[in-house]
Amino acid sequence: VHLVESGGDSVQDGGSLRLSCAASGGS
């Protein structure tokens, strides 16, 4: 299984982010 994260960033106190994890592979 291959996992790739994305969406990290630098934000200010009180801000919002959405992280993503893309999963692939035969298992």
PDB file of all heavy atoms in Angstrom:
ATOM      1  N   VAL A   1       0.856  -1.173   0.000  1.00  0.00           N
ATOM      2  CA  VAL A   1       0.000   0.000   0.000  1.00  0.00           C
ATOM      3  C   VAL A   1       0.897   1.229   0.000  1.00  0.00           C
ATOM      4  O   VAL A   1       1.827   1.337   0.805  1.00  0.00           O
ATOM      5  CB  VAL A   1      -0.946   0.026   1.209  1.00  0.00           C
ATOM      6  CG1 VAL A   1      -1.752   1.323   1.226  1.00  0.00           C
ATOM      7  CG2 VAL A   1      -1.887  -1.176   1.164  1.00  0.00           C
ATOM      8  N   HIS A   2       0.607   2.137  -0.901  1.00  0.00           N
ATOM      9  CA  HIS A   2       1.355   3.375  -1.024  1.00  0.00           C
ATOM     10  C   HIS A   2       0.471   4.520  -0.571  1.00  0.00           C
ATOM     11  O   HIS A   2      -0.664   4.650  -1.033  1.00  0.00           O
ATOM     12  CB  HIS A   2       1.799   3.573  -2.472  1.00  0.00           C
ATOM     13  CG  HIS A   2       2.721   4.721  -2.674  1.00  0.00           C
ATOM     14  ND1 HIS A   2       2.694   5.496  -3.810  1.00  0.00           N
ATOM     15  CD2 HIS A   2       3.714   5.216  -1.905  1.00  0.00           C
ATOM     16  CE1 HIS A   2       3.615   6.429  -3.722  1.00  0.00           C
ATOM     17  NE2 HIS A   2       4.251   6.278  -2.577  1.00  0.00           N
ATOM     18  N   LEU A   3       0.989   5.334   0.337  1.00  0.00           N
ATOM     19  CA  LEU A   3       0.247   6.456   0.893  1.00  0.00           C
ATOM     20  C   LEU A   3       1.011   7.739   0.623  1.00  0.00           C
ATOM     21  O   LEU A   3       2.216   7.804   0.866  1.00  0.00           O
ATOM     22  CB  LEU A   3       0.052   6.287   2.399  1.00  0.00           C
ATOM     23  CG  LEU A   3      -0.596   4.986   2.873  1.00  0.00           C
ATOM     24  CD1 LEU A   3      -0.574   4.909   4.394  1.00  0.00           C
ATOM     25  CD2 LEU A   3      -2.026   4.890   2.354  1.00  0.00           C
ATOM     26  N   VAL A   4       0.315   8.748   0.135  1.00  0.00           N
ATOM     27  CA  VAL A   4       0.923  10.042  -0.157  1.00  0.00           C
ATOM     28  C   VAL A   4       0.068  11.134   0.446  1.00  0.00           C
ATOM     29  O   VAL A   4      -1.086  11.315   0.058  1.00  0.00           O
ATOM     30  CB  VAL A   4       1.081  10.263  -1.672  1.00  0.00           C
ATOM     31  CG1 VAL A   4       1.706  11.630  -1.939  1.00  0.00           C
ATOM     32  CG2 VAL A   4       1.926   9.162  -2.290  1.00  0.00           C
ATOM     33  N   GLU A   5       0.649  11.882   1.382  1.00  0.00           N
ATOM     34  CA  GLU A   5      -0.057  12.983   2.020  1.00  0.00           C
ATOM     35  C   GLU A   5       0.178  14.280   1.261  1.00  0.00           C
ATOM     36  O   GLU A   5       1.213  14.466   0.620  1.00  0.00           O
ATOM     37  CB  GLU A   5       0.404  13.175   3.473  1.00  0.00           C
ATOM     38  CG  GLU A   5       0.258  11.951   4.356  1.00  0.00           C
ATOM     39  CD  GLU A   5       1.546  11.165   4.475  1.00  0.00           C
ATOM     40  OE1 GLU A   5       2.369  11.214   3.535  1.00  0.00           O
ATOM     41  OE2 GLU A   5       1.739  10.501   5.516  1.00  0.00           O
ATOM     42  N   SER A   6      -0.775  15.187   1.393  1.00  0.00           N
ATOM     43  CA  SER A   6      -0.635  16.523   0.847  1.00  0.00           C
ATOM     44  C   SER A   6      -1.536  17.468   1.632  1.00  0.00           C
ATOM     45  O   SER A   6      -2.376  17.030   2.416  1.00  0.00           O
ATOM     46  CB  SER A   6      -0.984  16.562  -0.643  1.00  0.00           C
ATOM     47  OG  SER A   6      -2.332  16.187  -0.855  1.00  0.00           O
ATOM     48  N   GLY A   7      -1.363  18.750   1.421  1.00  0.00           N
ATOM     49  CA  GLY A   7      -2.230  19.748   2.019  1.00  0.00           C
ATOM     50  C   GLY A   7      -1.631  20.520   3.175  1.00  0.00           C
ATOM     51  O   GLY A   7      -2.241  21.487   3.645  1.00  0.00           O
ATOM     52  N   GLY A   8      -0.460  20.116   3.661  1.00  0.00           N
ATOM     53  CA  GLY A   8       0.170  20.848   4.745  1.00  0.00           C
ATOM     54  C   GLY A   8       0.581  22.244   4.305  1.00  0.00           C
ATOM     55  O   GLY A   8       0.914  22.469   3.141  1.00  0.00           O
ATOM     56  N   ASP A   9       0.568  23.165   5.256  1.00  0.00           N
ATOM     57  CA  ASP A   9       0.882  24.552   4.933  1.00  0.00           C
ATOM     58  C   ASP A   9       1.212  25.290   6.216  1.00  0.00           C
ATOM     59  O   ASP A   9       1.142  24.726   7.317  1.00  0.00           O
ATOM     60  CB  ASP A   9      -0.303  25.211   4.225  1.00  0.00           C
ATOM     61  CG  ASP A   9       0.089  26.373   3.337  1.00  0.00           C
ATOM     62  OD1 ASP A   9       1.252  26.822   3.401  1.00  0.00           O
ATOM     63  OD2 ASP A   9      -0.771  26.845   2.569  1.00  0.00           O
ATOM     64  N   SER A  10       1.572  26.546   6.074  1.00  0.00           N
ATOM     65  CA  SER A  10       1.785  27.440   7.196  1.00  0.00           C
ATOM     66  C   SER A  10       0.571  28.347   7.329  1.00  0.00           C
ATOM     67  O   SER A  10       0.200  29.025   6.364  1.00  0.00           O
ATOM     68  CB  SER A  10       3.057  28.264   6.983  1.00  0.00           C
ATOM     69  OG  SER A  10       3.275  29.144   8.063  1.00  0.00           O
ATOM     70  N   VAL A  11      -0.058  28.335   8.500  1.00  0.00           N
ATOM     71  CA  VAL A  11      -1.267  29.110   8.732  1.00  0.00           C
ATOM     72  C   VAL A  11      -1.167  29.839  10.056  1.00  0.00           C
ATOM     73  O   VAL A  11      -0.310  29.540  10.890  1.00  0.00           O
ATOM     74  CB  VAL A  11      -2.536  28.227   8.727  1.00  0.00           C
ATOM     75  CG1 VAL A  11      -2.699  27.532   7.378  1.00  0.00           C
ATOM     76  CG2 VAL A  11      -2.476  27.200   9.846  1.00  0.00           C
ATOM     77  N   GLN A  12      -2.054  30.780  10.260  1.00  0.00           N
ATOM     78  CA  GLN A  12      -2.107  31.528  11.507  1.00  0.00           C
ATOM     79  C   GLN A  12      -2.991  30.828  12.529  1.00  0.00           C
ATOM     80  O   GLN A  12      -3.856  30.010  12.191  1.00  0.00           O
ATOM     81  CB  GLN A  12      -2.616  32.947  11.256  1.00  0.00           C
ATOM     82  CG  GLN A  12      -1.681  33.805  10.422  1.00  0.00           C
ATOM     83  CD  GLN A  12      -2.183  35.218  10.243  1.00  0.00           C
ATOM     84  OE1 GLN A  12      -3.365  35.506  10.444  1.00  0.00           O
ATOM     85  NE2 GLN A  12      -1.293  36.116   9.866  1.00  0.00           N
ATOM     86  N   ASP A  13      -2.752  31.158  13.779  1.00  0.00           N
ATOM     87  CA  ASP A  13      -3.574  30.665  14.883  1.00  0.00           C
ATOM     88  C   ASP A  13      -5.052  30.873  14.553  1.00  0.00           C
ATOM     89  O   ASP A  13      -5.470  31.971  14.187  1.00  0.00           O
ATOM     90  CB  ASP A  13      -3.188  31.409  16.155  1.00  0.00           C
ATOM     91  CG  ASP A  13      -3.782  30.806  17.408  1.00  0.00           C
ATOM     92  OD1 ASP A  13      -4.609  29.879  17.315  1.00  0.00           O
ATOM     93  OD2 ASP A  13      -3.415  31.275  18.508  1.00  0.00           O
ATOM     94  N   GLY A  14      -5.845  29.808  14.684  1.00  0.00           N
ATOM     95  CA  GLY A  14      -7.261  29.872  14.393  1.00  0.00           C
ATOM     96  C   GLY A  14      -7.631  29.505  12.977  1.00  0.00           C
ATOM     97  O   GLY A  14      -8.829  29.411  12.661  1.00  0.00           O
ATOM     98  N   GLY A  15      -6.652  29.275  12.123  1.00  0.00           N
ATOM     99  CA  GLY A  15      -6.909  28.942  10.742  1.00  0.00           C
ATOM    100  C   GLY A  15      -7.316  27.496  10.546  1.00  0.00           C
ATOM    101  O   GLY A  15      -7.384  26.700  11.486  1.00  0.00           O
ATOM    102  N   SER A  16      -7.573  27.142   9.280  1.00  0.00           N
ATOM    103  CA  SER A  16      -8.034  25.809   8.921  1.00  0.00           C
ATOM    104  C   SER A  16      -7.220  25.253   7.765  1.00  0.00           C
ATOM    105  O   SER A  16      -6.718  25.994   6.922  1.00  0.00           O
ATOM    106  CB  SER A  16      -9.511  25.831   8.513  1.00  0.00           C
ATOM    107  OG  SER A  16     -10.341  26.230   9.587  1.00  0.00           O
ATOM    108  N   LEU A  17      -7.109  23.934   7.728  1.00  0.00           N
ATOM    109  CA  LEU A  17      -6.481  23.216   6.634  1.00  0.00           C
ATOM    110  C   LEU A  17      -7.203  21.898   6.430  1.00  0.00           C
ATOM    111  O   LEU A  17      -7.817  21.372   7.355  1.00  0.00           O
ATOM    112  CB  LEU A  17      -5.004  22.919   6.921  1.00  0.00           C
ATOM    113  CG  LEU A  17      -3.997  24.060   6.873  1.00  0.00           C
ATOM    114  CD1 LEU A  17      -2.650  23.567   7.395  1.00  0.00           C
ATOM    115  CD2 LEU A  17      -3.857  24.600   5.459  1.00  0.00           C
ATOM    116  N   ARG A  18      -7.111  21.357   5.223  1.00  0.00           N
ATOM    117  CA  ARG A  18      -7.545  20.000   4.960  1.00  0.00           C
ATOM    118  C   ARG A  18      -6.382  19.206   4.393  1.00  0.00           C
ATOM    119  O   ARG A  18      -5.859  19.542   3.328  1.00  0.00           O
ATOM    120  CB  ARG A  18      -8.728  19.932   3.990  1.00  0.00           C
ATOM    121  CG  ARG A  18      -9.308  18.510   3.880  1.00  0.00           C
ATOM    122  CD  ARG A  18     -10.473  18.401   2.926  1.00  0.00           C
ATOM    123  NE  ARG A  18     -10.047  18.434   1.533  1.00  0.00           N
ATOM    124  CZ  ARG A  18     -10.795  18.023   0.508  1.00  0.00           C
ATOM    125  NH1 ARG A  18     -12.021  17.554   0.729  1.00  0.00           N
ATOM    126  NH2 ARG A  18     -10.331  18.108  -0.719  1.00  0.00           N
ATOM    127  N   LEU A  19      -5.986  18.168   5.111  1.00  0.00           N
ATOM    128  CA  LEU A  19      -4.955  17.269   4.644  1.00  0.00           C
ATOM    129  C   LEU A  19      -5.582  16.125   3.861  1.00  0.00           C
ATOM    130  O   LEU A  19      -6.686  15.676   4.174  1.00  0.00           O
ATOM    131  CB  LEU A  19      -4.158  16.699   5.816  1.00  0.00           C
ATOM    132  CG  LEU A  19      -3.553  17.707   6.797  1.00  0.00           C
ATOM    133  CD1 LEU A  19      -2.724  16.976   7.838  1.00  0.00           C
ATOM    134  CD2 LEU A  19      -2.721  18.746   6.067  1.00  0.00           C
ATOM    135  N   SER A  20      -4.859  15.643   2.857  1.00  0.00           N
ATOM    136  CA  SER A  20      -5.321  14.538   2.036  1.00  0.00           C
ATOM    137  C   SER A  20      -4.297  13.415   2.051  1.00  0.00           C
ATOM    138  O   SER A  20      -3.092  13.662   2.084  1.00  0.00           O
ATOM    139  CB  SER A  20      -5.546  14.988   0.590  1.00  0.00           C
ATOM    140  OG  SER A  20      -6.531  16.001   0.509  1.00  0.00           O
ATOM    141  N   CYS A  21      -4.783  12.184   2.012  1.00  0.00           N
ATOM    142  CA  CYS A  21      -3.948  10.999   1.924  1.00  0.00           C
ATOM    143  C   CYS A  21      -4.469  10.150   0.780  1.00  0.00           C
ATOM    144  O   CYS A  21      -5.587   9.629   0.848  1.00  0.00           O
ATOM    145  CB  CYS A  21      -3.982  10.217   3.237  1.00  0.00           C
ATOM    146  SG  CYS A  21      -3.147   8.614   3.178  1.00  0.00           S
ATOM    147  N   ALA A  22      -3.676  10.019  -0.267  1.00  0.00           N
ATOM    148  CA  ALA A  22      -4.036   9.203  -1.418  1.00  0.00           C
ATOM    149  C   ALA A  22      -3.473   7.806  -1.232  1.00  0.00           C
ATOM    150  O   ALA A  22      -2.265   7.634  -1.055  1.00  0.00           O
ATOM    151  CB  ALA A  22      -3.503   9.828  -2.699  1.00  0.00           C
ATOM    152  N   ALA A  23      -4.345   6.788  -1.265  1.00  0.00           N
ATOM    153  CA  ALA A  23      -3.955   5.404  -1.049  1.00  0.00           C
ATOM    154  C   ALA A  23      -4.018   4.627  -2.352  1.00  0.00           C
ATOM    155  O   ALA A  23      -4.968   4.773  -3.131  1.00  0.00           O
ATOM    156  CB  ALA A  23      -4.851   4.747  -0.006  1.00  0.00           C
ATOM    157  N   SER A  24      -3.022   3.789  -2.590  1.00  0.00           N
ATOM    158  CA  SER A  24      -2.994   2.955  -3.773  1.00  0.00           C
ATOM    159  C   SER A  24      -2.201   1.692  -3.476  1.00  0.00           C
ATOM    160  O   SER A  24      -1.524   1.591  -2.455  1.00  0.00           O
ATOM    161  CB  SER A  24      -2.385   3.709  -4.964  1.00  0.00           C
ATOM    162  OG  SER A  24      -1.046   4.075  -4.696  1.00  0.00           O
ATOM    163  N   GLY A  25      -2.269   0.720  -4.384  1.00  0.00           N
ATOM    164  CA  GLY A  25      -1.504  -0.502  -4.244  1.00  0.00           C
ATOM    165  C   GLY A  25      -2.370  -1.743  -4.188  1.00  0.00           C
ATOM    166  O   GLY A  25      -3.552  -1.688  -3.842  1.00  0.00           O
ATOM    167  N   GLY A  26      -1.771  -2.884  -4.493  1.00  0.00           N
ATOM    168  CA  GLY A  26      -2.503  -4.133  -4.594  1.00  0.00           C
ATOM    169  C   GLY A  26      -3.050  -4.666  -3.289  1.00  0.00           C
ATOM    170  O   GLY A  26      -3.982  -5.482  -3.307  1.00  0.00           O
ATOM    171  N   SER A  27      -2.509  -4.253  -2.157  1.00  0.00           N
ATOM    172  CA  SER A  27      -2.947  -4.750  -0.860  1.00  0.00           C
ATOM    173  C   SER A  27      -3.932  -3.824  -0.169  1.00  0.00           C
ATOM    174  O   SER A  27      -4.258  -4.035   0.999  1.00  0.00           O
ATOM    175  CB  SER A  27      -1.744  -4.979   0.060  1.00  0.00           C
ATOM    176  OG  SER A  27      -0.879  -5.957  -0.476  1.00  0.00           O
TER     177      SER A  27
END
